[in-house]
Amino acid sequence: MVLLRSCVGSYQSGGVYPLRKDTAPAKLDKAAVQLLAPIHAWRSSWRVLSRILATIHAHAERFEAMPDQQLRQSSNELRYRLKASQLSRAVVAEAFALIREVAGRQLSMRHFDV
């Protein structure tokens, strides 16, 4: 007879009735959960950041078409909007797109989406 384990309990391979309740997690199981917690946090933060990337790319297309003088004006305007909006996501995304475009022009090194 083969036993299958699940999060609810143990089951026989031929039936669907639990034989017994699972025991409490051991110390090793708890340690594994603590080690994997940062990975789960990273995944959720990546989901949030990937939403902002679409906004950054939309602004990047607009900034690529601007001449240098207009980029300077946009940076001054953006500085005041950042202070007034208290770092809202939309304004921060626009600022990052501007910084990335300026870095690409001046340093020939563009920030990646990492």
C-alpha atoms as a PDB file:
ATOM      1  CA  MET A   1       0.000   0.000   0.000  1.00  0.00           C
ATOM      2  CA  VAL A   2       1.383   3.422  -1.031  1.00  0.00           C
ATOM      3  CA  LEU A   3       0.752   6.516   1.077  1.00  0.00           C
ATOM      4  CA  LEU A   4       0.452   9.946  -0.493  1.00  0.00           C
ATOM      5  CA  ARG A   5       1.111  13.077   1.581  1.00  0.00           C
ATOM      6  CA  SER A   6      -0.715  16.361   1.269  1.00  0.00           C
ATOM      7  CA  CYS A   7      -1.115  19.518   3.313  1.00  0.00           C
ATOM      8  CA  VAL A   8      -4.361  18.140   4.788  1.00  0.00           C
ATOM      9  CA  GLY A   9      -3.192  14.696   5.824  1.00  0.00           C
ATOM     10  CA  SER A  10      -2.018  11.315   4.571  1.00  0.00           C
ATOM     11  CA  TYR A  11      -4.137   9.391   2.082  1.00  0.00           C
ATOM     12  CA  GLN A  12      -4.129   5.844   0.838  1.00  0.00           C
ATOM     13  CA  SER A  13      -3.526   5.574  -2.879  1.00  0.00           C
ATOM     14  CA  GLY A  14      -6.858   3.783  -3.330  1.00  0.00           C
ATOM     15  CA  GLY A  15      -9.088   6.101  -1.302  1.00  0.00           C
ATOM     16  CA  VAL A  16      -9.704   9.719  -0.399  1.00  0.00           C
ATOM     17  CA  TYR A  17     -10.090   9.438   3.388  1.00  0.00           C
ATOM     18  CA  PRO A  18      -7.320  10.777   5.603  1.00  0.00           C
ATOM     19  CA  LEU A  19      -5.601   8.231   7.785  1.00  0.00           C
ATOM     20  CA  ARG A  20      -4.242  10.760  10.269  1.00  0.00           C
ATOM     21  CA  LYS A  21      -3.531  14.439  10.719  1.00  0.00           C
ATOM     22  CA  ASP A  22      -0.063  15.687   9.837  1.00  0.00           C
ATOM     23  CA  THR A  23       2.190  16.499  12.748  1.00  0.00           C
ATOM     24  CA  ALA A  24       3.438  19.991  13.526  1.00  0.00           C
ATOM     25  CA  PRO A  25       6.403  21.146  11.423  1.00  0.00           C
ATOM     26  CA  ALA A  26       9.792  20.134  12.756  1.00  0.00           C
ATOM     27  CA  LYS A  27      12.680  22.520  13.414  1.00  0.00           C
ATOM     28  CA  LEU A  28      14.181  21.798  10.008  1.00  0.00           C
ATOM     29  CA  ASP A  29      10.887  22.620   8.291  1.00  0.00           C
ATOM     30  CA  LYS A  30      10.674  25.928  10.171  1.00  0.00           C
ATOM     31  CA  ALA A  31      14.272  26.762   9.231  1.00  0.00           C
ATOM     32  CA  ALA A  32      13.541  26.045   5.564  1.00  0.00           C
ATOM     33  CA  VAL A  33      10.548  28.388   5.642  1.00  0.00           C
ATOM     34  CA  GLN A  34      12.692  31.147   7.169  1.00  0.00           C
ATOM     35  CA  LEU A  35      15.376  30.655   4.508  1.00  0.00           C
ATOM     36  CA  LEU A  36      12.835  30.836   1.677  1.00  0.00           C
ATOM     37  CA  ALA A  37      10.980  33.905   3.011  1.00  0.00           C
ATOM     38  CA  PRO A  38      13.300  36.448   1.289  1.00  0.00           C
ATOM     39  CA  ILE A  39      12.774  34.695  -2.045  1.00  0.00           C
ATOM     40  CA  HIS A  40       8.998  35.002  -1.722  1.00  0.00           C
ATOM     41  CA  ALA A  41       9.349  38.675  -0.756  1.00  0.00           C
ATOM     42  CA  TRP A  42      11.550  39.268  -3.814  1.00  0.00           C
ATOM     43  CA  ARG A  43       8.938  37.722  -6.107  1.00  0.00           C
ATOM     44  CA  SER A  44       6.183  39.965  -4.795  1.00  0.00           C
ATOM     45  CA  SER A  45       8.357  43.087  -5.042  1.00  0.00           C
ATOM     46  CA  TRP A  46       9.209  42.184  -8.643  1.00  0.00           C
ATOM     47  CA  ARG A  47       5.493  42.099  -9.465  1.00  0.00           C
ATOM     48  CA  VAL A  48       5.097  45.634  -8.153  1.00  0.00           C
ATOM     49  CA  LEU A  49       8.146  46.877 -10.043  1.00  0.00           C
ATOM     50  CA  SER A  50       7.082  45.232 -13.291  1.00  0.00           C
ATOM     51  CA  ARG A  51       3.890  47.316 -13.211  1.00  0.00           C
ATOM     52  CA  ILE A  52       5.972  50.481 -13.044  1.00  0.00           C
ATOM     53  CA  LEU A  53       8.140  49.371 -15.992  1.00  0.00           C
ATOM     54  CA  ALA A  54       5.317  49.887 -18.482  1.00  0.00           C
ATOM     55  CA  THR A  55       4.999  53.509 -17.354  1.00  0.00           C
ATOM     56  CA  ILE A  56       8.766  54.012 -17.527  1.00  0.00           C
ATOM     57  CA  HIS A  57       8.891  52.684 -21.101  1.00  0.00           C
ATOM     58  CA  ALA A  58       6.052  54.986 -22.164  1.00  0.00           C
ATOM     59  CA  HIS A  59       7.923  58.028 -20.848  1.00  0.00           C
ATOM     60  CA  ALA A  60      11.221  56.805 -22.326  1.00  0.00           C
ATOM     61  CA  GLU A  61       9.824  56.956 -25.848  1.00  0.00           C
ATOM     62  CA  ARG A  62       8.802  60.573 -25.298  1.00  0.00           C
ATOM     63  CA  PHE A  63      12.198  61.544 -23.832  1.00  0.00           C
ATOM     64  CA  GLU A  64      14.141  59.899 -26.679  1.00  0.00           C
ATOM     65  CA  ALA A  65      12.596  62.340 -29.142  1.00  0.00           C
ATOM     66  CA  MET A  66      13.467  65.449 -27.074  1.00  0.00           C
ATOM     67  CA  PRO A  67      16.581  67.555 -27.720  1.00  0.00           C
ATOM     68  CA  ASP A  68      19.044  68.163 -24.864  1.00  0.00           C
ATOM     69  CA  GLN A  69      17.730  71.636 -24.028  1.00  0.00           C
ATOM     70  CA  GLN A  70      14.191  70.353 -23.642  1.00  0.00           C
ATOM     71  CA  LEU A  71      15.447  67.530 -21.414  1.00  0.00           C
ATOM     72  CA  ARG A  72      17.014  70.146 -19.113  1.00  0.00           C
ATOM     73  CA  GLN A  73      13.707  71.969 -18.889  1.00  0.00           C
ATOM     74  CA  SER A  74      11.895  68.720 -18.184  1.00  0.00           C
ATOM     75  CA  SER A  75      14.320  67.871 -15.399  1.00  0.00           C
ATOM     76  CA  ASN A  76      13.745  71.234 -13.687  1.00  0.00           C
ATOM     77  CA  GLU A  77       9.982  70.826 -13.996  1.00  0.00           C
ATOM     78  CA  LEU A  78      10.172  67.262 -12.749  1.00  0.00           C
ATOM     79  CA  ARG A  79      12.193  68.304  -9.715  1.00  0.00           C
ATOM     80  CA  TYR A  80       9.354  70.521  -8.501  1.00  0.00           C
ATOM     81  CA  ARG A  81       6.704  67.911  -9.319  1.00  0.00           C
ATOM     82  CA  LEU A  82       8.598  65.307  -7.290  1.00  0.00           C
ATOM     83  CA  LYS A  83       8.656  67.576  -4.257  1.00  0.00           C
ATOM     84  CA  ALA A  84       4.982  68.481  -4.637  1.00  0.00           C
ATOM     85  CA  SER A  85       3.724  64.924  -5.222  1.00  0.00           C
ATOM     86  CA  GLN A  86       5.764  63.421  -2.362  1.00  0.00           C
ATOM     87  CA  LEU A  87       7.255  60.753  -4.616  1.00  0.00           C
ATOM     88  CA  SER A  88       4.132  59.362  -6.249  1.00  0.00           C
ATOM     89  CA  ARG A  89       4.721  56.327  -8.458  1.00  0.00           C
ATOM     90  CA  ALA A  90       3.775  58.071 -11.693  1.00  0.00           C
ATOM     91  CA  VAL A  91       6.199  60.949 -11.149  1.00  0.00           C
ATOM     92  CA  VAL A  92       8.983  58.630  -9.956  1.00  0.00           C
ATOM     93  CA  ALA A  93       8.538  56.510 -13.090  1.00  0.00           C
ATOM     94  CA  GLU A  94       8.831  59.627 -15.238  1.00  0.00           C
ATOM     95  CA  ALA A  95      11.942  60.734 -13.335  1.00  0.00           C
ATOM     96  CA  PHE A  96      13.584  57.341 -13.785  1.00  0.00           C
ATOM     97  CA  ALA A  97      12.847  57.427 -17.522  1.00  0.00           C
ATOM     98  CA  LEU A  98      14.440  60.878 -17.742  1.00  0.00           C
ATOM     99  CA  ILE A  99      17.512  59.795 -15.776  1.00  0.00           C
ATOM    100  CA  ARG A 100      17.890  56.719 -17.931  1.00  0.00           C
ATOM    101  CA  GLU A 101      17.718  58.768 -21.127  1.00  0.00           C
ATOM    102  CA  VAL A 102      20.245  61.336 -19.897  1.00  0.00           C
ATOM    103  CA  ALA A 103      22.623  58.588 -18.755  1.00  0.00           C
ATOM    104  CA  GLY A 104      22.323  56.971 -22.163  1.00  0.00           C
ATOM    105  CA  ARG A 105      23.200  60.216 -23.929  1.00  0.00           C
ATOM    106  CA  GLN A 106      25.924  61.528 -21.637  1.00  0.00           C
ATOM    107  CA  LEU A 107      27.611  58.323 -20.447  1.00  0.00           C
ATOM    108  CA  SER A 108      26.619  55.966 -23.259  1.00  0.00           C
ATOM    109  CA  MET A 109      25.424  53.655 -20.498  1.00  0.00           C
ATOM    110  CA  ARG A 110      21.723  53.079 -20.081  1.00  0.00           C
ATOM    111  CA  HIS A 111      20.052  51.656 -16.958  1.00  0.00           C
ATOM    112  CA  PHE A 112      18.585  48.206 -17.439  1.00  0.00           C
ATOM    113  CA  ASP A 113      15.185  46.947 -16.307  1.00  0.00           C
ATOM    114  CA  VAL A 114      16.795  44.566 -13.846  1.00  0.00           C
END
